[in-house]
Protein backbone atom coordinates (compact mmCIF):
# COMPACT_ATOMS: atom_id res chain seq x y z
CA MET A 1 146.60 101.05 91.40
CA LYS A 2 146.70 97.42 90.30
CA ARG A 3 150.51 97.36 90.44
CA PHE A 4 150.48 98.68 94.03
CA GLU A 5 147.88 96.08 94.98
CA GLN A 6 150.02 93.29 93.60
CA ALA A 7 153.16 94.69 95.23
CA ARG A 8 151.48 94.94 98.65
CA LEU A 9 150.07 91.43 98.55
CA GLU A 10 153.29 90.03 97.10
CA ARG A 11 155.25 91.61 99.96
CA GLU A 12 152.84 90.06 102.46
CA ARG A 13 153.29 86.68 100.79
CA ARG A 14 157.10 87.00 100.88
CA THR A 15 156.98 88.03 104.54
CA ILE A 16 154.88 85.06 105.63
CA GLU A 17 157.02 82.73 103.52
CA ALA A 18 160.18 84.06 105.18
CA MET A 19 158.66 83.70 108.65
CA VAL A 20 157.50 80.13 108.09
CA SER A 21 160.85 79.22 106.59
CA ARG A 22 162.76 80.70 109.56
CA PHE A 23 160.43 78.91 111.99
CA CYS A 24 160.81 75.56 110.23
CA ARG A 25 164.62 75.82 110.14
CA GLY A 26 164.82 76.83 113.78
CA MET A 27 162.15 74.66 115.37
CA HIS A 28 162.04 71.62 113.10
CA LYS A 29 165.75 71.67 112.15
CA THR A 30 165.14 71.49 108.40
CA ALA A 31 167.99 72.44 106.10
CA GLY A 32 166.24 72.34 102.74
CA PRO A 33 162.56 72.48 101.89
CA LEU A 34 159.90 73.05 104.54
CA CYS A 35 158.63 70.09 106.55
CA ALA A 36 155.14 68.85 105.65
CA GLU A 37 153.47 70.69 108.56
CA CYS A 38 155.07 74.04 107.72
CA ALA A 39 154.45 73.62 103.98
CA GLU A 40 150.77 73.00 104.72
CA LEU A 41 150.61 76.07 106.97
CA LEU A 42 152.27 78.23 104.30
CA ASP A 43 149.84 76.97 101.66
CA TYR A 44 146.93 77.78 103.98
CA ALA A 45 148.25 81.27 104.76
CA THR A 46 148.89 81.99 101.07
CA ALA A 47 145.36 80.91 100.15
CA ARG A 48 143.91 83.17 102.86
CA LEU A 49 146.01 86.07 101.65
CA GLU A 50 144.81 85.61 98.06
CA ARG A 51 141.20 85.69 99.25
CA CYS A 52 141.58 88.69 101.57
CA PRO A 53 138.60 91.00 101.00
CA PHE A 54 140.74 94.08 101.74
CA GLN A 55 143.31 93.40 98.99
CA GLN A 56 145.52 96.51 98.65
CA GLU A 57 144.17 97.99 101.90
CA LYS A 58 144.96 94.81 103.83
CA PRO A 59 145.98 95.51 107.42
CA THR A 60 148.31 93.23 109.31
CA CYS A 61 146.42 90.18 110.53
CA ALA A 62 146.70 91.26 114.17
CA LYS A 63 144.75 94.46 113.38
CA CYS A 64 142.28 92.93 110.94
CA PRO A 65 138.58 93.11 111.86
CA ILE A 66 138.00 89.82 110.00
CA HIS A 67 139.73 86.77 111.43
CA CYS A 68 139.75 84.40 108.48
CA TYR A 69 142.10 81.75 109.92
CA GLN A 70 140.69 78.65 111.60
CA ALA A 71 141.37 78.70 115.35
CA HIS A 72 144.12 76.05 115.29
CA ARG A 73 145.76 77.70 112.25
CA ARG A 74 145.67 81.05 114.02
CA GLU A 75 147.54 79.51 116.96
CA GLN A 76 150.09 77.97 114.59
CA ILE A 77 150.74 81.25 112.79
CA LYS A 78 151.03 83.11 116.12
CA ALA A 79 153.72 80.64 117.20
CA VAL A 80 155.51 81.16 113.88
CA MET A 81 155.39 84.94 114.26
CA ARG A 82 156.53 84.86 117.89
CA TYR A 83 159.55 82.78 116.93
CA ALA A 84 160.41 84.22 113.52
CA GLY A 85 159.51 87.87 114.01
CA PRO A 86 162.50 88.85 116.17
CA ARG A 87 164.88 86.72 114.08
CA LEU A 88 163.68 87.87 110.67
CA PHE A 89 165.34 91.27 110.78
CA TRP A 90 168.84 89.86 110.28
CA ARG A 91 167.92 88.00 107.09
CA HIS A 92 165.20 90.22 105.67
CA PRO A 93 165.58 93.72 107.14
CA ILE A 94 163.49 95.51 104.50
CA LEU A 95 160.58 93.05 104.74
CA THR A 96 160.73 93.28 108.51
CA VAL A 97 160.70 97.06 108.61
CA ARG A 98 157.89 97.29 106.05
CA HIS A 99 155.83 94.76 108.03
CA PHE A 100 156.52 96.71 111.22
CA LEU A 101 155.38 99.95 109.54
CA ASP A 102 152.27 98.25 108.16
CA ALA A 103 151.30 97.39 111.73
CA TYR A 104 150.93 101.12 112.44
CA LYS A 105 148.49 101.71 109.61
CA GLU A 106 144.87 102.15 110.55
CA ALA A 107 142.80 99.05 109.81
CA PRO A 108 139.87 99.68 107.47
CA SER A 109 136.39 98.72 108.58
CA ALA A 110 135.13 95.34 107.45
CA PRO A 111 133.90 95.39 103.85
CA ARG A 112 130.18 94.94 103.36
CA ARG A 113 128.94 91.80 101.68
CA PRO A 114 126.55 92.21 98.75
CA ALA A 115 122.90 91.54 99.54
CA ALA A 116 121.75 88.00 98.81
CA GLY A 117 119.75 87.51 95.63
CA GLY A 118 121.24 90.36 93.68
């Protein structure tokens, strides 16, 4: 199960990286590495993904019962997805289709936190 968990989260990471990269090239006209703003957003999104309490059962962020992004970051990532989502298929068709299929999976209920003090 560990291999599946890593594969699922790795695919999510590659998808968000591809979306941010497409957004940065299209909106900020970068040809090489990401601009500072997009690099910071990608770092933030990657950190959130690594800390996701659902791990291998992670739903797409739009269906997640836990909104772990800060409000302004959530708006940034929505703008990235609105721009990059429709354009991503031509460069990354498999990632796009898998992400689209993941959106149809049922979101799990929020995990319970352990009781304080043990």
